[in-house]
PDB file of N, CA and C in Angstrom:
ATOM      1  N   MET A   1     -14.524 -22.423 -25.281  1.00  0.00           N
ATOM      2  CA  MET A   1     -15.068 -22.226 -23.951  1.00  0.00           C
ATOM      3  C   MET A   1     -14.224 -22.325 -22.820  1.00  0.00           C
ATOM      4  N   TRP A   2     -13.573 -23.920 -23.101  1.00  0.00           N
ATOM      5  CA  TRP A   2     -12.343 -23.736 -21.865  1.00  0.00           C
ATOM      6  C   TRP A   2     -11.356 -23.286 -21.948  1.00  0.00           C
ATOM      7  N   ALA A   3     -10.710 -22.983 -23.046  1.00  0.00           N
ATOM      8  CA  ALA A   3      -9.190 -22.525 -23.669  1.00  0.00           C
ATOM      9  C   ALA A   3      -9.869 -20.866 -22.880  1.00  0.00           C
ATOM     10  N   MET A   4     -10.900 -20.560 -23.445  1.00  0.00           N
ATOM     11  CA  MET A   4     -11.153 -18.869 -22.335  1.00  0.00           C
ATOM     12  C   MET A   4     -10.640 -19.330 -21.016  1.00  0.00           C
ATOM     13  N   ARG A   5     -11.167 -19.779 -20.091  1.00  0.00           N
ATOM     14  CA  ARG A   5     -11.768 -20.158 -18.873  1.00  0.00           C
ATOM     15  C   ARG A   5     -10.297 -20.354 -18.357  1.00  0.00           C
ATOM     16  N   ARG A   6      -9.819 -21.183 -19.304  1.00  0.00           N
ATOM     17  CA  ARG A   6      -8.338 -21.376 -18.470  1.00  0.00           C
ATOM     18  C   ARG A   6      -7.491 -20.734 -18.392  1.00  0.00           C
ATOM     19  N   SER A   7      -7.027 -19.366 -19.476  1.00  0.00           N
ATOM     20  CA  SER A   7      -6.479 -18.516 -19.514  1.00  0.00           C
ATOM     21  C   SER A   7      -6.410 -17.443 -19.033  1.00  0.00           C
ATOM     22  N   ALA A   8      -7.984 -17.229 -18.484  1.00  0.00           N
ATOM     23  CA  ALA A   8      -8.724 -16.075 -17.350  1.00  0.00           C
ATOM     24  C   ALA A   8      -7.938 -16.652 -16.415  1.00  0.00           C
ATOM     25  N   LEU A   9      -7.453 -18.096 -15.703  1.00  0.00           N
ATOM     26  CA  LEU A   9      -7.084 -18.455 -14.701  1.00  0.00           C
ATOM     27  C   LEU A   9      -5.860 -18.142 -14.061  1.00  0.00           C
ATOM     28  N   VAL A  10      -5.406 -18.642 -15.317  1.00  0.00           N
ATOM     29  CA  VAL A  10      -3.352 -18.195 -15.894  1.00  0.00           C
ATOM     30  C   VAL A  10      -3.427 -17.289 -15.289  1.00  0.00           C
ATOM     31  N   ALA A  11      -4.093 -16.283 -15.946  1.00  0.00           N
ATOM     32  CA  ALA A  11      -3.913 -14.686 -15.757  1.00  0.00           C
ATOM     33  C   ALA A  11      -4.192 -14.211 -14.420  1.00  0.00           C
ATOM     34  N   VAL A  12      -5.389 -14.512 -13.562  1.00  0.00           N
ATOM     35  CA  VAL A  12      -5.420 -14.681 -12.826  1.00  0.00           C
ATOM     36  C   VAL A  12      -4.445 -14.869 -11.612  1.00  0.00           C
ATOM     37  N   VAL A  13      -3.702 -16.260 -11.695  1.00  0.00           N
ATOM     38  CA  VAL A  13      -2.872 -16.578 -10.688  1.00  0.00           C
ATOM     39  C   VAL A  13      -1.389 -15.900 -11.228  1.00  0.00           C
ATOM     40  N   LEU A  14      -1.097 -16.048 -12.069  1.00  0.00           N
ATOM     41  CA  LEU A  14       0.318 -15.443 -12.276  1.00  0.00           C
ATOM     42  C   LEU A  14      -0.194 -13.153 -12.189  1.00  0.00           C
ATOM     43  N   SER A  15      -1.274 -12.871 -11.841  1.00  0.00           N
ATOM     44  CA  SER A  15      -1.182 -11.489 -11.339  1.00  0.00           C
ATOM     45  C   SER A  15      -1.210 -11.773  -9.330  1.00  0.00           C
ATOM     46  N   VAL A  16      -1.505 -12.748  -9.241  1.00  0.00           N
ATOM     47  CA  VAL A  16      -0.999 -12.558  -7.478  1.00  0.00           C
ATOM     48  C   VAL A  16      -0.071 -13.146  -6.945  1.00  0.00           C
ATOM     49  N   VAL A  17       0.627 -14.220  -7.637  1.00  0.00           N
ATOM     50  CA  VAL A  17       2.331 -14.538  -7.786  1.00  0.00           C
ATOM     51  C   VAL A  17       3.051 -12.935  -8.055  1.00  0.00           C
ATOM     52  N   LEU A  18       2.497 -12.498  -9.114  1.00  0.00           N
ATOM     53  CA  LEU A  18       3.691 -11.140  -9.094  1.00  0.00           C
ATOM     54  C   LEU A  18       4.179 -10.466  -8.293  1.00  0.00           C
ATOM     55  N   SER A  19       2.364  -9.811  -7.729  1.00  0.00           N
ATOM     56  CA  SER A  19       1.863  -9.167  -7.020  1.00  0.00           C
ATOM     57  C   SER A  19       2.350  -9.272  -5.605  1.00  0.00           C
ATOM     58  N   ALA A  20       2.665 -10.961  -5.729  1.00  0.00           N
ATOM     59  CA  ALA A  20       3.960 -11.066  -4.208  1.00  0.00           C
ATOM     60  C   ALA A  20       4.944 -10.775  -4.183  1.00  0.00           C
ATOM     61  N   CYS A  21       5.587 -10.405  -5.007  1.00  0.00           N
ATOM     62  CA  CYS A  21       6.802 -10.486  -5.513  1.00  0.00           C
ATOM     63  C   CYS A  21       7.318  -8.701  -5.627  1.00  0.00           C
ATOM     64  N   GLY A  22       8.629  -8.182  -5.039  1.00  0.00           N
ATOM     65  CA  GLY A  22       9.053  -6.718  -5.602  1.00  0.00           C
ATOM     66  C   GLY A  22       8.804  -6.024  -3.426  1.00  0.00           C
ATOM     67  N   PRO A  23       8.916  -5.480  -3.784  1.00  0.00           N
ATOM     68  CA  PRO A  23       8.622  -4.161  -2.663  1.00  0.00           C
ATOM     69  C   PRO A  23       8.008  -5.175  -1.728  1.00  0.00           C
ATOM     70  N   GLY A  24       7.997  -4.639   0.086  1.00  0.00           N
ATOM     71  CA  GLY A  24       7.065  -5.407   1.034  1.00  0.00           C
ATOM     72  C   GLY A  24       7.282  -4.191   1.982  1.00  0.00           C
ATOM     73  N   ARG A  25       6.704  -5.005   3.261  1.00  0.00           N
ATOM     74  CA  ARG A  25       6.727  -3.597   4.217  1.00  0.00           C
ATOM     75  C   ARG A  25       7.975  -3.835   4.845  1.00  0.00           C
ATOM     76  N   GLY A  26       8.558  -2.637   4.882  1.00  0.00           N
ATOM     77  CA  GLY A  26      10.075  -2.036   5.859  1.00  0.00           C
ATOM     78  C   GLY A  26      10.992  -2.235   4.611  1.00  0.00           C
ATOM     79  N   ILE A  27      12.166  -1.805   4.681  1.00  0.00           N
ATOM     80  CA  ILE A  27      12.959  -1.923   3.564  1.00  0.00           C
ATOM     81  C   ILE A  27      13.361  -2.818   2.856  1.00  0.00           C
ATOM     82  N   THR A  28      13.263  -2.689   1.706  1.00  0.00           N
ATOM     83  CA  THR A  28      13.760  -3.773   0.616  1.00  0.00           C
ATOM     84  C   THR A  28      15.303  -3.614  -0.175  1.00  0.00           C
ATOM     85  N   GLY A  29      16.082  -4.258  -0.078  1.00  0.00           N
ATOM     86  CA  GLY A  29      17.174  -4.385  -0.996  1.00  0.00           C
ATOM     87  C   GLY A  29      18.302  -4.942  -0.609  1.00  0.00           C
ATOM     88  N   ASN A  30      19.749  -4.540  -0.976  1.00  0.00           N
ATOM     89  CA  ASN A  30      20.444  -5.470  -0.815  1.00  0.00           C
ATOM     90  C   ASN A  30      21.960  -4.442  -0.246  1.00  0.00           C
ATOM     91  N   ASP A  31      23.157  -5.223  -0.856  1.00  0.00           N
ATOM     92  CA  ASP A  31      24.501  -4.554  -0.131  1.00  0.00           C
ATOM     93  C   ASP A  31      24.680  -3.042  -1.034  1.00  0.00           C
ATOM     94  N   THR A  32      24.324  -3.060  -1.987  1.00  0.00           N
ATOM     95  CA  THR A  32      23.943  -1.649  -3.235  1.00  0.00           C
ATOM     96  C   THR A  32      23.138  -0.710  -2.884  1.00  0.00           C
ATOM     97  N   GLY A  33      21.972  -1.033  -2.253  1.00  0.00           N
ATOM     98  CA  GLY A  33      21.214   0.091  -1.541  1.00  0.00           C
ATOM     99  C   GLY A  33      19.434  -0.345  -1.365  1.00  0.00           C
ATOM    100  N   GLY A  34      18.485   0.394  -1.206  1.00  0.00           N
ATOM    101  CA  GLY A  34      17.462   0.385  -1.231  1.00  0.00           C
ATOM    102  C   GLY A  34      16.453   1.017  -1.021  1.00  0.00           C
ATOM    103  N   ILE A  35      15.138   0.778  -0.652  1.00  0.00           N
ATOM    104  CA  ILE A  35      14.358   1.916  -0.709  1.00  0.00           C
ATOM    105  C   ILE A  35      13.486   1.344   0.408  1.00  0.00           C
ATOM    106  N   ILE A  36      12.605   2.467   1.243  1.00  0.00           N
ATOM    107  CA  ILE A  36      11.883   2.671   2.063  1.00  0.00           C
ATOM    108  C   ILE A  36      11.013   2.790   1.901  1.00  0.00           C
ATOM    109  N   PRO A  37       9.061   2.324   2.403  1.00  0.00           N
ATOM    110  CA  PRO A  37       8.192   3.477   1.884  1.00  0.00           C
ATOM    111  C   PRO A  37       8.031   4.105   2.434  1.00  0.00           C
ATOM    112  N   TYR A  38       7.380   4.982   2.033  1.00  0.00           N
ATOM    113  CA  TYR A  38       7.155   6.700   2.883  1.00  0.00           C
ATOM    114  C   TYR A  38       6.432   6.466   3.372  1.00  0.00           C
ATOM    115  N   SER A  39       6.858   7.123   4.894  1.00  0.00           N
ATOM    116  CA  SER A  39       5.717   7.600   5.908  1.00  0.00           C
ATOM    117  C   SER A  39       5.450   8.823   6.591  1.00  0.00           C
ATOM    118  N   PRO A  40       4.531  10.146   7.049  1.00  0.00           N
ATOM    119  CA  PRO A  40       5.083  10.671   7.601  1.00  0.00           C
ATOM    120  C   PRO A  40       6.154  10.762   8.717  1.00  0.00           C
ATOM    121  N   ALA A  41       5.341   8.843   9.901  1.00  0.00           N
ATOM    122  CA  ALA A  41       6.067   8.584  10.626  1.00  0.00           C
ATOM    123  C   ALA A  41       7.461   8.288  10.475  1.00  0.00           C
ATOM    124  N   ILE A  42       8.023   8.303   9.339  1.00  0.00           N
ATOM    125  CA  ILE A  42       9.404   7.637   9.400  1.00  0.00           C
ATOM    126  C   ILE A  42      10.142   9.367   8.474  1.00  0.00           C
ATOM    127  N   GLU A  43       9.845  10.377   8.946  1.00  0.00           N
ATOM    128  CA  GLU A  43      10.054  11.670   8.251  1.00  0.00           C
ATOM    129  C   GLU A  43      11.556  12.037   9.286  1.00  0.00           C
ATOM    130  N   GLY A  44      11.480  11.704  10.281  1.00  0.00           N
ATOM    131  CA  GLY A  44      12.985  12.197  11.086  1.00  0.00           C
ATOM    132  C   GLY A  44      13.725  11.139  10.976  1.00  0.00           C
ATOM    133  N   SER A  45      13.327   9.996  10.641  1.00  0.00           N
ATOM    134  CA  SER A  45      14.472   8.691  10.795  1.00  0.00           C
ATOM    135  C   SER A  45      14.697   7.954   9.533  1.00  0.00           C
ATOM    136  N   TYR A  46      14.446   8.176   8.749  1.00  0.00           N
ATOM    137  CA  TYR A  46      14.818   7.641   7.265  1.00  0.00           C
ATOM    138  C   TYR A  46      16.192   7.874   6.874  1.00  0.00           C
ATOM    139  N   ARG A  47      16.888   8.782   7.442  1.00  0.00           N
ATOM    140  CA  ARG A  47      18.617   8.543   7.352  1.00  0.00           C
ATOM    141  C   ARG A  47      19.301   7.552   8.196  1.00  0.00           C
ATOM    142  N   GLU A  48      18.585   7.359   9.421  1.00  0.00           N
ATOM    143  CA  GLU A  48      19.337   6.273  10.234  1.00  0.00           C
ATOM    144  C   GLU A  48      18.408   5.113   9.964  1.00  0.00           C
ATOM    145  N   LEU A  49      17.672   4.894   9.264  1.00  0.00           N
ATOM    146  CA  LEU A  49      17.004   3.755   8.817  1.00  0.00           C
ATOM    147  C   LEU A  49      18.141   3.465   7.771  1.00  0.00           C
ATOM    148  N   ALA A  50      18.598   4.080   7.003  1.00  0.00           N
ATOM    149  CA  ALA A  50      19.248   3.751   5.877  1.00  0.00           C
ATOM    150  C   ALA A  50      20.896   3.748   6.616  1.00  0.00           C
ATOM    151  N   ALA A  51      21.466   4.605   6.989  1.00  0.00           N
ATOM    152  CA  ALA A  51      22.493   4.447   7.985  1.00  0.00           C
ATOM    153  C   ALA A  51      22.858   2.818   8.657  1.00  0.00           C
ATOM    154  N   ASP A  52      21.413   2.160   9.030  1.00  0.00           N
ATOM    155  CA  ASP A  52      21.331   0.789   9.984  1.00  0.00           C
ATOM    156  C   ASP A  52      21.823   0.312   9.089  1.00  0.00           C
ATOM    157  N   TYR A  53      20.728   0.393   7.962  1.00  0.00           N
ATOM    158  CA  TYR A  53      20.526  -1.399   6.805  1.00  0.00           C
ATOM    159  C   TYR A  53      21.956  -1.094   6.170  1.00  0.00           C
ATOM    160  N   CYS A  54      23.170   0.086   5.664  1.00  0.00           N
ATOM    161  CA  CYS A  54      23.976  -0.389   4.558  1.00  0.00           C
ATOM    162  C   CYS A  54      25.029  -0.729   5.891  1.00  0.00           C
ATOM    163  N   ALA A  55      25.057  -0.645   6.821  1.00  0.00           N
ATOM    164  CA  ALA A  55      25.810  -1.000   8.307  1.00  0.00           C
ATOM    165  C   ALA A  55      26.561  -2.425   8.213  1.00  0.00           C
ATOM    166  N   ARG A  56      25.237  -3.076   7.563  1.00  0.00           N
ATOM    167  CA  ARG A  56      25.043  -4.482   7.827  1.00  0.00           C
ATOM    168  C   ARG A  56      26.034  -4.742   7.471  1.00  0.00           C
ATOM    169  N   TRP A  57      26.540  -4.388   5.905  1.00  0.00           N
ATOM    170  CA  TRP A  57      27.696  -4.561   5.363  1.00  0.00           C
ATOM    171  C   TRP A  57      29.488  -3.743   5.551  1.00  0.00           C
ATOM    172  N   GLY A  58      29.209  -3.201   6.502  1.00  0.00           N
ATOM    173  CA  GLY A  58      29.873  -2.164   6.844  1.00  0.00           C
ATOM    174  C   GLY A  58      30.518  -0.792   5.407  1.00  0.00           C
ATOM    175  N   ARG A  59      29.037  -0.705   5.077  1.00  0.00           N
ATOM    176  CA  ARG A  59      29.022   0.510   4.201  1.00  0.00           C
ATOM    177  C   ARG A  59      28.400   1.540   4.928  1.00  0.00           C
ATOM    178  N   LEU A  60      28.608   2.705   4.626  1.00  0.00           N
ATOM    179  CA  LEU A  60      27.778   4.083   4.639  1.00  0.00           C
ATOM    180  C   LEU A  60      26.839   4.132   3.710  1.00  0.00           C
ATOM    181  N   SER A  61      25.750   4.712   3.911  1.00  0.00           N
ATOM    182  CA  SER A  61      24.267   5.368   3.269  1.00  0.00           C
ATOM    183  C   SER A  61      24.517   6.394   2.963  1.00  0.00           C
ATOM    184  N   HIS A  62      23.830   6.686   1.528  1.00  0.00           N
ATOM    185  CA  HIS A  62      23.588   8.032   0.718  1.00  0.00           C
ATOM    186  C   HIS A  62      22.173   8.357   0.223  1.00  0.00           C
ATOM    187  N   VAL A  63      20.923   8.729   1.038  1.00  0.00           N
ATOM    188  CA  VAL A  63      19.761   9.337   0.613  1.00  0.00           C
ATOM    189  C   VAL A  63      19.668   9.743  -0.970  1.00  0.00           C
ATOM    190  N   THR A  64      18.987   9.171  -1.759  1.00  0.00           N
ATOM    191  CA  THR A  64      19.240   9.855  -3.135  1.00  0.00           C
ATOM    192  C   THR A  64      17.911  10.496  -3.430  1.00  0.00           C
ATOM    193  N   SER A  65      16.722   9.791  -3.152  1.00  0.00           N
ATOM    194  CA  SER A  65      15.637  10.626  -3.243  1.00  0.00           C
ATOM    195  C   SER A  65      14.562  10.167  -2.094  1.00  0.00           C
ATOM    196  N   VAL A  66      13.249  11.394  -1.718  1.00  0.00           N
ATOM    197  CA  VAL A  66      12.456  10.984  -1.303  1.00  0.00           C
ATOM    198  C   VAL A  66      11.691  11.617  -1.262  1.00  0.00           C
ATOM    199  N   HIS A  67      10.130  10.784  -1.945  1.00  0.00           N
ATOM    200  CA  HIS A  67       9.046  11.279  -2.601  1.00  0.00           C
ATOM    201  C   HIS A  67       7.903  10.989  -1.408  1.00  0.00           C
ATOM    202  N   ARG A  68       7.397  12.184  -1.010  1.00  0.00           N
ATOM    203  CA  ARG A  68       6.762  12.129   0.462  1.00  0.00           C
ATOM    204  C   ARG A  68       5.734  12.082   0.669  1.00  0.00           C
ATOM    205  N   GLU A  69       5.050  11.019  -0.630  1.00  0.00           N
ATOM    206  CA  GLU A  69       3.409  10.603  -0.782  1.00  0.00           C
ATOM    207  C   GLU A  69       3.140   9.080  -0.560  1.00  0.00           C
ATOM    208  N   TYR A  70       1.775   9.094   0.030  1.00  0.00           N
ATOM    209  CA  TYR A  70       1.711   7.572   0.627  1.00  0.00           C
ATOM    210  C   TYR A  70       1.685   6.669  -0.714  1.00  0.00           C
ATOM    211  N   GLY A  71       2.772   5.207  -0.995  1.00  0.00           N
ATOM    212  CA  GLY A  71       2.793   4.346  -2.094  1.00  0.00           C
ATOM    213  C   GLY A  71       4.361   5.029  -2.747  1.00  0.00           C
ATOM    214  N   ASP A  72       4.991   6.035  -2.321  1.00  0.00           N
ATOM    215  CA  ASP A  72       5.810   6.181  -2.967  1.00  0.00           C
ATOM    216  C   ASP A  72       7.256   5.907  -1.809  1.00  0.00           C
ATOM    217  N   TYR A  73       8.167   5.972  -2.247  1.00  0.00           N
ATOM    218  CA  TYR A  73       9.676   5.877  -1.384  1.00  0.00           C
ATOM    219  C   TYR A  73      10.510   6.626  -1.290  1.00  0.00           C
ATOM    220  N   VAL A  74      11.671   6.900   0.292  1.00  0.00           N
ATOM    221  CA  VAL A  74      12.652   7.273   0.202  1.00  0.00           C
ATOM    222  C   VAL A  74      13.681   5.310  -0.834  1.00  0.00           C
ATOM    223  N   SER A  75      14.380   6.364  -1.657  1.00  0.00           N
ATOM    224  CA  SER A  75      15.695   5.195  -1.807  1.00  0.00           C
ATOM    225  C   SER A  75      16.727   5.885  -1.201  1.00  0.00           C
ATOM    226  N   PHE A  76      18.040   4.669  -1.281  1.00  0.00           N
ATOM    227  CA  PHE A  76      19.487   5.193  -0.977  1.00  0.00           C
ATOM    228  C   PHE A  76      20.085   4.432  -1.618  1.00  0.00           C
ATOM    229  N   VAL A  77      21.286   4.421  -1.251  1.00  0.00           N
ATOM    230  CA  VAL A  77      22.420   3.811  -1.756  1.00  0.00           C
ATOM    231  C   VAL A  77      23.588   3.444  -0.748  1.00  0.00           C
ATOM    232  N   CYS A  78      24.350   2.239  -1.112  1.00  0.00           N
ATOM    233  CA  CYS A  78      25.082   2.082   0.098  1.00  0.00           C
ATOM    234  C   CYS A  78      26.336   1.786  -0.374  1.00  0.00           C
ATOM    235  N   ILE A  79      27.445   2.611  -0.009  1.00  0.00           N
ATOM    236  CA  ILE A  79      28.076   2.943  -0.736  1.00  0.00           C
ATOM    237  C   ILE A  79      29.483   2.934   0.256  1.00  0.00           C
ATOM    238  N   ASP A  80      30.923   2.329  -0.104  1.00  0.00           N
ATOM    239  CA  ASP A  80      32.071   2.046   0.367  1.00  0.00           C
ATOM    240  C   ASP A  80      32.521   2.785   1.515  1.00  0.00           C
ATOM    241  N   ASN A  81      33.258   2.141   2.746  1.00  0.00           N
ATOM    242  CA  ASN A  81      33.412   3.417   3.808  1.00  0.00           C
ATOM    243  C   ASN A  81      34.801   3.169   3.835  1.00  0.00           C
ATOM    244  N   PRO A  82      35.009   4.673   3.457  1.00  0.00           N
ATOM    245  CA  PRO A  82      37.361   4.756   3.468  1.00  0.00           C
ATOM    246  C   PRO A  82      37.230   4.179   4.349  1.00  0.00           C
ATOM    247  N   ARG A  83      36.958   4.013   5.464  1.00  0.00           N
ATOM    248  CA  ARG A  83      37.343   3.778   6.737  1.00  0.00           C
ATOM    249  C   ARG A  83      38.007   2.167   6.873  1.00  0.00           C
ATOM    250  N   MET A  84      37.009   2.000   6.531  1.00  0.00           N
ATOM    251  CA  MET A  84      37.072   0.330   6.746  1.00  0.00           C
ATOM    252  C   MET A  84      38.258  -0.467   5.675  1.00  0.00           C
ATOM    253  N   THR A  85      38.731  -1.476   6.096  1.00  0.00           N
ATOM    254  CA  THR A  85      39.731  -2.194   5.664  1.00  0.00           C
ATOM    255  C   THR A  85      39.062  -3.685   5.154  1.00  0.00           C
ATOM    256  N   HIS A  86      39.368  -3.523   3.996  1.00  0.00           N
ATOM    257  CA  HIS A  86      39.039  -5.239   3.598  1.00  0.00           C
ATOM    258  C   HIS A  86      39.817  -6.109   3.655  1.00  0.00           C
TER     259      HIS A  86
END
Protein backbone atom coordinates (compact mmCIF):
# COMPACT_ATOMS: atom_id res chain seq x y z
CA MET A 1 0.00 0.00 0.00
CA TRP A 2 2.79 2.44 0.93
CA ALA A 3 4.60 1.70 -2.35
CA MET A 4 1.52 2.66 -4.39
CA ARG A 5 1.12 5.93 -2.48
CA ARG A 6 4.80 6.68 -2.90
CA SER A 7 4.59 6.00 -6.66
CA ALA A 8 1.58 8.29 -6.94
CA LEU A 9 3.38 11.02 -5.01
CA VAL A 10 6.45 10.71 -7.23
CA ALA A 11 4.25 10.94 -10.34
CA VAL A 12 2.57 14.11 -9.07
CA VAL A 13 5.87 15.75 -8.16
CA LEU A 14 7.38 14.89 -11.56
CA SER A 15 4.39 16.25 -13.43
CA VAL A 16 4.60 19.54 -11.53
CA VAL A 17 8.34 19.84 -12.13
CA LEU A 18 8.10 18.96 -15.82
CA SER A 19 5.21 21.34 -16.40
CA ALA A 20 7.41 24.17 -15.13
CA CYS A 21 9.96 23.43 -17.87
CA GLY A 22 9.61 24.52 -21.45
CA PRO A 23 7.89 27.51 -22.98
CA GLY A 24 6.73 30.16 -20.62
CA ARG A 25 5.34 33.62 -20.98
CA GLY A 26 6.97 35.71 -23.66
CA ILE A 27 9.53 34.55 -26.18
CA THR A 28 11.30 31.25 -25.62
CA GLY A 29 14.39 30.48 -27.65
CA ASN A 30 18.09 30.95 -28.20
CA ASP A 31 20.44 32.33 -30.87
CA THR A 32 19.02 29.95 -33.51
CA GLY A 33 15.36 30.94 -33.14
CA GLY A 34 12.37 30.57 -30.91
CA ILE A 35 8.63 30.69 -30.35
CA ILE A 36 6.20 33.40 -29.29
CA PRO A 37 2.89 32.42 -27.66
CA TYR A 38 0.12 33.45 -30.06
CA SER A 39 -2.41 36.07 -29.08
CA PRO A 40 -4.49 38.38 -31.30
CA ALA A 41 -2.71 41.24 -29.49
CA ILE A 42 0.58 40.40 -31.27
CA GLU A 43 -0.98 40.02 -34.73
CA GLY A 44 0.65 43.17 -36.07
CA SER A 45 3.92 42.93 -34.20
CA TYR A 46 5.18 39.33 -34.13
CA ARG A 47 7.69 39.99 -36.93
CA GLU A 48 9.11 42.93 -34.99
CA LEU A 49 9.24 40.85 -31.79
CA ALA A 50 11.22 38.15 -33.61
CA ALA A 51 13.54 40.72 -35.21
CA ASP A 52 14.26 42.36 -31.85
CA TYR A 53 14.93 38.97 -30.28
CA CYS A 54 17.40 37.85 -32.97
CA ALA A 55 19.12 41.26 -32.98
CA ARG A 56 20.53 40.35 -29.55
CA TRP A 57 22.98 38.12 -31.40
CA GLY A 58 23.46 40.39 -34.42
CA ARG A 59 21.24 38.12 -36.49
CA LEU A 60 18.18 38.57 -38.71
CA SER A 61 14.87 36.80 -38.16
CA HIS A 62 12.58 34.79 -40.40
CA VAL A 63 9.08 33.81 -39.23
CA THR A 64 8.51 30.17 -40.16
CA SER A 65 4.94 29.58 -38.99
CA VAL A 66 1.99 31.36 -37.43
CA HIS A 67 -0.72 29.28 -35.76
CA ARG A 68 -3.53 31.70 -35.02
CA GLU A 69 -5.09 29.85 -32.08
CA TYR A 70 -4.69 30.34 -28.35
CA GLY A 71 -2.19 27.82 -27.01
CA ASP A 72 -0.24 27.75 -30.26
CA TYR A 73 2.85 29.67 -31.24
CA VAL A 74 4.51 31.89 -33.81
CA SER A 75 7.84 30.25 -34.59
CA PHE A 76 10.90 31.90 -36.09
CA VAL A 77 14.55 31.25 -36.86
CA CYS A 78 17.51 33.56 -36.43
CA ILE A 79 19.76 33.67 -39.47
CA ASP A 80 23.21 35.14 -40.05
CA ASN A 81 23.27 38.73 -41.18
CA PRO A 82 25.47 38.95 -44.30
CA ARG A 83 26.24 42.59 -43.52
CA MET A 84 27.75 41.75 -40.14
CA THR A 85 31.47 41.03 -40.06
CA HIS A 86 32.71 38.48 -37.56
